[in-house]
């Protein structure tokens, strides 16, 4: 198949069954540790593509525990979810039964105008919490006020 002077390839592969596992809910989980080297080897063999891995220092935002400890309310249970609300120009991200790792994974997508680097969890908190993040729209300097009991520091 040719497209605008370049070739398009359709890759069809069937990984071994050991690359997949089912959890109790019946969802299929892929073992990326097994699949990544297989895909790299396939691309190197078929397309002479070489992959170079290197560590790179990059800025991040880190969720950390404040010097007086966490002030979060542990959840009473229930479904893990978050929802965005906007009331009189104030954006609120209301989360129930959410871990700090879950928040770190979602936060950049929720506050994309404010967080221009990845967010990682460095709190070492394993419990799930109920909390609300609130902020106003970004002004010309890019930052507005944040109100939350979850400190977020920028690290370089």
C-alpha atoms as a PDB file:
ATOM      1  CA  UNK A   1       0.000   0.000   0.000  1.00  0.00           C
ATOM      2  CA  UNK A   2       1.536   3.332  -1.038  1.00  0.00           C
ATOM      3  CA  UNK A   3       0.538   6.716   0.313  1.00  0.00           C
ATOM      4  CA  UNK A   4       2.035  10.045  -0.922  1.00  0.00           C
ATOM      5  CA  UNK A   5       5.349   8.524  -1.871  1.00  0.00           C
ATOM      6  CA  UNK A   6       5.760   6.806   1.482  1.00  0.00           C
ATOM      7  CA  UNK A   7       4.947   3.279   2.393  1.00  0.00           C
ATOM      8  CA  UNK A   8       2.405   2.412   5.047  1.00  0.00           C
ATOM      9  CA  UNK A   9       2.770  -0.915   6.810  1.00  0.00           C
ATOM     10  CA  UNK A  10       0.211  -2.817   8.780  1.00  0.00           C
ATOM     11  CA  UNK A  11       1.805  -4.871  11.522  1.00  0.00           C
ATOM     12  CA  UNK A  12       0.023  -7.979  12.645  1.00  0.00           C
ATOM     13  CA  UNK A  13       1.512  -9.983  15.481  1.00  0.00           C
ATOM     14  CA  UNK A  14       0.252 -12.404  18.053  1.00  0.00           C
ATOM     15  CA  UNK A  15       2.148 -12.207  21.357  1.00  0.00           C
ATOM     16  CA  UNK A  16       2.455 -15.289  23.546  1.00  0.00           C
ATOM     17  CA  UNK A  17      -0.262 -15.963  26.094  1.00  0.00           C
ATOM     18  CA  UNK A  18       2.225 -15.284  28.903  1.00  0.00           C
ATOM     19  CA  UNK A  19       2.103 -11.579  27.951  1.00  0.00           C
ATOM     20  CA  UNK A  20      -1.503 -11.369  29.130  1.00  0.00           C
ATOM     21  CA  UNK A  21      -3.160 -11.882  32.496  1.00  0.00           C
ATOM     22  CA  UNK A  22      -6.746 -11.549  33.656  1.00  0.00           C
ATOM     23  CA  UNK A  23      -7.727  -9.867  36.892  1.00  0.00           C
ATOM     24  CA  UNK A  24     -10.710 -10.940  39.036  1.00  0.00           C
ATOM     25  CA  UNK A  25     -13.023  -8.531  37.165  1.00  0.00           C
ATOM     26  CA  UNK A  26     -12.249 -10.333  33.904  1.00  0.00           C
ATOM     27  CA  UNK A  27     -10.286  -7.412  32.432  1.00  0.00           C
ATOM     28  CA  UNK A  28      -7.240  -8.359  30.390  1.00  0.00           C
ATOM     29  CA  UNK A  29      -3.959  -6.810  31.510  1.00  0.00           C
ATOM     30  CA  UNK A  30      -0.960  -6.663  29.192  1.00  0.00           C
ATOM     31  CA  UNK A  31       2.492  -7.397  30.591  1.00  0.00           C
ATOM     32  CA  UNK A  32       4.427  -4.524  28.995  1.00  0.00           C
ATOM     33  CA  UNK A  33       7.717  -5.804  30.397  1.00  0.00           C
ATOM     34  CA  UNK A  34       7.370  -8.811  28.065  1.00  0.00           C
ATOM     35  CA  UNK A  35       5.902  -7.013  25.049  1.00  0.00           C
ATOM     36  CA  UNK A  36       8.315  -4.059  24.774  1.00  0.00           C
ATOM     37  CA  UNK A  37      11.452  -6.120  24.033  1.00  0.00           C
ATOM     38  CA  UNK A  38       9.474  -8.237  21.566  1.00  0.00           C
ATOM     39  CA  UNK A  39       8.251  -5.161  19.669  1.00  0.00           C
ATOM     40  CA  UNK A  40      11.772  -3.666  19.672  1.00  0.00           C
ATOM     41  CA  UNK A  41      13.239  -6.891  18.277  1.00  0.00           C
ATOM     42  CA  UNK A  42      10.513  -7.073  15.622  1.00  0.00           C
ATOM     43  CA  UNK A  43      11.096  -3.464  14.492  1.00  0.00           C
ATOM     44  CA  UNK A  44      14.874  -3.966  14.427  1.00  0.00           C
ATOM     45  CA  UNK A  45      14.589  -7.182  12.386  1.00  0.00           C
ATOM     46  CA  UNK A  46      11.957  -6.059   9.869  1.00  0.00           C
ATOM     47  CA  UNK A  47      12.670  -2.340   9.489  1.00  0.00           C
ATOM     48  CA  UNK A  48      16.271  -2.026  10.719  1.00  0.00           C
ATOM     49  CA  UNK A  49      14.962   0.404  13.338  1.00  0.00           C
ATOM     50  CA  UNK A  50      17.264   0.903  16.289  1.00  0.00           C
ATOM     51  CA  UNK A  51      16.054   2.162  19.632  1.00  0.00           C
ATOM     52  CA  UNK A  52      18.284   4.192  21.900  1.00  0.00           C
ATOM     53  CA  UNK A  53      17.369   4.470  25.565  1.00  0.00           C
ATOM     54  CA  UNK A  54      18.854   7.266  27.662  1.00  0.00           C
ATOM     55  CA  UNK A  55      18.119   8.908  30.970  1.00  0.00           C
ATOM     56  CA  UNK A  56      17.258  12.569  30.685  1.00  0.00           C
ATOM     57  CA  UNK A  57      16.928  15.161  33.415  1.00  0.00           C
ATOM     58  CA  UNK A  58      13.602  16.938  32.987  1.00  0.00           C
ATOM     59  CA  UNK A  59      11.494  19.233  35.167  1.00  0.00           C
ATOM     60  CA  UNK A  60       8.568  17.677  37.034  1.00  0.00           C
ATOM     61  CA  UNK A  61       5.968  18.581  39.621  1.00  0.00           C
ATOM     62  CA  UNK A  62       6.058  16.418  42.745  1.00  0.00           C
ATOM     63  CA  UNK A  63       3.195  15.828  45.152  1.00  0.00           C
ATOM     64  CA  UNK A  64       4.747  15.883  48.616  1.00  0.00           C
ATOM     65  CA  UNK A  65       3.538  15.794  52.208  1.00  0.00           C
ATOM     66  CA  UNK A  66       3.726  19.163  54.001  1.00  0.00           C
ATOM     67  CA  UNK A  67       5.958  19.626  57.036  1.00  0.00           C
ATOM     68  CA  UNK A  68       2.970  19.214  59.415  1.00  0.00           C
ATOM     69  CA  UNK A  69       1.877  15.933  57.833  1.00  0.00           C
ATOM     70  CA  UNK A  70      -1.127  15.129  55.656  1.00  0.00           C
ATOM     71  CA  UNK A  71      -4.407  16.871  56.437  1.00  0.00           C
ATOM     72  CA  UNK A  72      -6.497  14.769  54.109  1.00  0.00           C
ATOM     73  CA  UNK A  73      -9.678  12.959  55.091  1.00  0.00           C
ATOM     74  CA  UNK A  74      -9.472   9.220  54.506  1.00  0.00           C
ATOM     75  CA  UNK A  75     -12.344   7.894  52.460  1.00  0.00           C
ATOM     76  CA  UNK A  76     -15.233   5.923  53.846  1.00  0.00           C
ATOM     77  CA  UNK A  77     -15.114   3.711  50.747  1.00  0.00           C
ATOM     78  CA  UNK A  78     -17.204   3.587  47.608  1.00  0.00           C
ATOM     79  CA  UNK A  79     -16.322   4.089  43.965  1.00  0.00           C
ATOM     80  CA  UNK A  80     -13.112   5.886  43.062  1.00  0.00           C
ATOM     81  CA  UNK A  81     -14.007   8.916  40.950  1.00  0.00           C
ATOM     82  CA  UNK A  82     -13.349  12.593  40.342  1.00  0.00           C
ATOM     83  CA  UNK A  83     -15.506  15.233  38.696  1.00  0.00           C
ATOM     84  CA  UNK A  84     -14.888  18.781  37.544  1.00  0.00           C
ATOM     85  CA  UNK A  85     -17.227  21.606  38.598  1.00  0.00           C
ATOM     86  CA  UNK A  86     -17.086  25.284  37.674  1.00  0.00           C
ATOM     87  CA  UNK A  87     -18.973  27.633  40.001  1.00  0.00           C
ATOM     88  CA  UNK A  88     -18.682  31.418  39.546  1.00  0.00           C
ATOM     89  CA  UNK A  89     -15.321  31.150  37.780  1.00  0.00           C
ATOM     90  CA  UNK A  90     -13.830  28.800  40.371  1.00  0.00           C
ATOM     91  CA  UNK A  91     -12.859  25.387  39.033  1.00  0.00           C
ATOM     92  CA  UNK A  92     -13.235  22.560  41.526  1.00  0.00           C
ATOM     93  CA  UNK A  93     -11.994  19.017  41.089  1.00  0.00           C
ATOM     94  CA  UNK A  94     -13.904  16.891  43.611  1.00  0.00           C
ATOM     95  CA  UNK A  95     -12.427  13.429  44.226  1.00  0.00           C
ATOM     96  CA  UNK A  96     -13.747  10.486  46.253  1.00  0.00           C
ATOM     97  CA  UNK A  97     -11.779   7.389  47.235  1.00  0.00           C
ATOM     98  CA  UNK A  98      -8.699   8.599  45.325  1.00  0.00           C
ATOM     99  CA  UNK A  99      -5.079   7.695  46.069  1.00  0.00           C
ATOM    100  CA  UNK A 100      -2.270  10.214  45.688  1.00  0.00           C
ATOM    101  CA  UNK A 101      -0.839   8.107  42.857  1.00  0.00           C
ATOM    102  CA  UNK A 102      -4.229   8.298  41.123  1.00  0.00           C
ATOM    103  CA  UNK A 103      -4.287  12.069  41.580  1.00  0.00           C
ATOM    104  CA  UNK A 104      -0.745  12.438  40.227  1.00  0.00           C
ATOM    105  CA  UNK A 105      -1.704  10.389  37.156  1.00  0.00           C
ATOM    106  CA  UNK A 106      -4.768  12.587  36.444  1.00  0.00           C
ATOM    107  CA  UNK A 107      -3.696  16.047  37.587  1.00  0.00           C
ATOM    108  CA  UNK A 108      -1.815  17.205  34.497  1.00  0.00           C
ATOM    109  CA  UNK A 109      -4.776  16.367  32.269  1.00  0.00           C
ATOM    110  CA  UNK A 110      -7.176  18.199  34.579  1.00  0.00           C
ATOM    111  CA  UNK A 111      -5.122  21.377  34.979  1.00  0.00           C
ATOM    112  CA  UNK A 112      -3.376  21.430  31.603  1.00  0.00           C
ATOM    113  CA  UNK A 113      -3.186  25.252  31.522  1.00  0.00           C
ATOM    114  CA  UNK A 114      -1.251  25.248  34.804  1.00  0.00           C
ATOM    115  CA  UNK A 115       0.921  22.153  34.790  1.00  0.00           C
ATOM    116  CA  UNK A 116       3.351  22.032  31.899  1.00  0.00           C
ATOM    117  CA  UNK A 117       5.399  19.096  33.232  1.00  0.00           C
ATOM    118  CA  UNK A 118       4.563  15.597  34.466  1.00  0.00           C
ATOM    119  CA  UNK A 119       3.276  15.180  38.027  1.00  0.00           C
ATOM    120  CA  UNK A 120       4.663  12.395  40.211  1.00  0.00           C
ATOM    121  CA  UNK A 121       3.598  11.143  43.634  1.00  0.00           C
ATOM    122  CA  UNK A 122       6.306  11.471  46.281  1.00  0.00           C
ATOM    123  CA  UNK A 123       3.942  11.445  49.277  1.00  0.00           C
ATOM    124  CA  UNK A 124       4.360   7.740  50.109  1.00  0.00           C
ATOM    125  CA  UNK A 125       0.690   7.824  51.188  1.00  0.00           C
ATOM    126  CA  UNK A 126      -1.033   4.556  50.261  1.00  0.00           C
ATOM    127  CA  UNK A 127      -4.555   5.213  51.592  1.00  0.00           C
ATOM    128  CA  UNK A 128      -7.433   6.623  49.526  1.00  0.00           C
ATOM    129  CA  UNK A 129      -8.856  10.045  50.364  1.00  0.00           C
ATOM    130  CA  UNK A 130     -11.782  12.380  49.698  1.00  0.00           C
ATOM    131  CA  UNK A 131     -10.672  15.906  48.750  1.00  0.00           C
ATOM    132  CA  UNK A 132     -11.425  18.952  46.614  1.00  0.00           C
ATOM    133  CA  UNK A 133      -8.955  21.028  44.592  1.00  0.00           C
ATOM    134  CA  UNK A 134     -10.118  24.555  43.707  1.00  0.00           C
ATOM    135  CA  UNK A 135      -8.553  27.204  41.458  1.00  0.00           C
ATOM    136  CA  UNK A 136      -9.461  30.171  39.283  1.00  0.00           C
ATOM    137  CA  UNK A 137      -8.730  30.550  35.580  1.00  0.00           C
ATOM    138  CA  UNK A 138      -5.159  31.337  34.578  1.00  0.00           C
ATOM    139  CA  UNK A 139      -4.270  34.999  34.308  1.00  0.00           C
ATOM    140  CA  UNK A 140      -1.645  36.470  31.977  1.00  0.00           C
ATOM    141  CA  UNK A 141       1.196  35.238  34.212  1.00  0.00           C
ATOM    142  CA  UNK A 142      -0.121  31.675  33.858  1.00  0.00           C
ATOM    143  CA  UNK A 143      -0.759  31.029  37.543  1.00  0.00           C
ATOM    144  CA  UNK A 144      -3.786  31.786  39.640  1.00  0.00           C
ATOM    145  CA  UNK A 145      -4.548  30.743  43.168  1.00  0.00           C
ATOM    146  CA  UNK A 146      -4.873  27.134  44.189  1.00  0.00           C
ATOM    147  CA  UNK A 147      -6.647  26.028  47.318  1.00  0.00           C
ATOM    148  CA  UNK A 148      -5.957  22.506  48.455  1.00  0.00           C
ATOM    149  CA  UNK A 149      -4.340  20.684  51.285  1.00  0.00           C
ATOM    150  CA  UNK A 150      -2.055  18.837  48.870  1.00  0.00           C
ATOM    151  CA  UNK A 151       1.312  20.572  48.382  1.00  0.00           C
ATOM    152  CA  UNK A 152       2.723  20.471  44.872  1.00  0.00           C
ATOM    153  CA  UNK A 153       6.309  21.602  44.310  1.00  0.00           C
ATOM    154  CA  UNK A 154       8.157  22.185  41.084  1.00  0.00           C
ATOM    155  CA  UNK A 155      11.479  20.328  40.946  1.00  0.00           C
ATOM    156  CA  UNK A 156      14.283  20.820  38.462  1.00  0.00           C
END
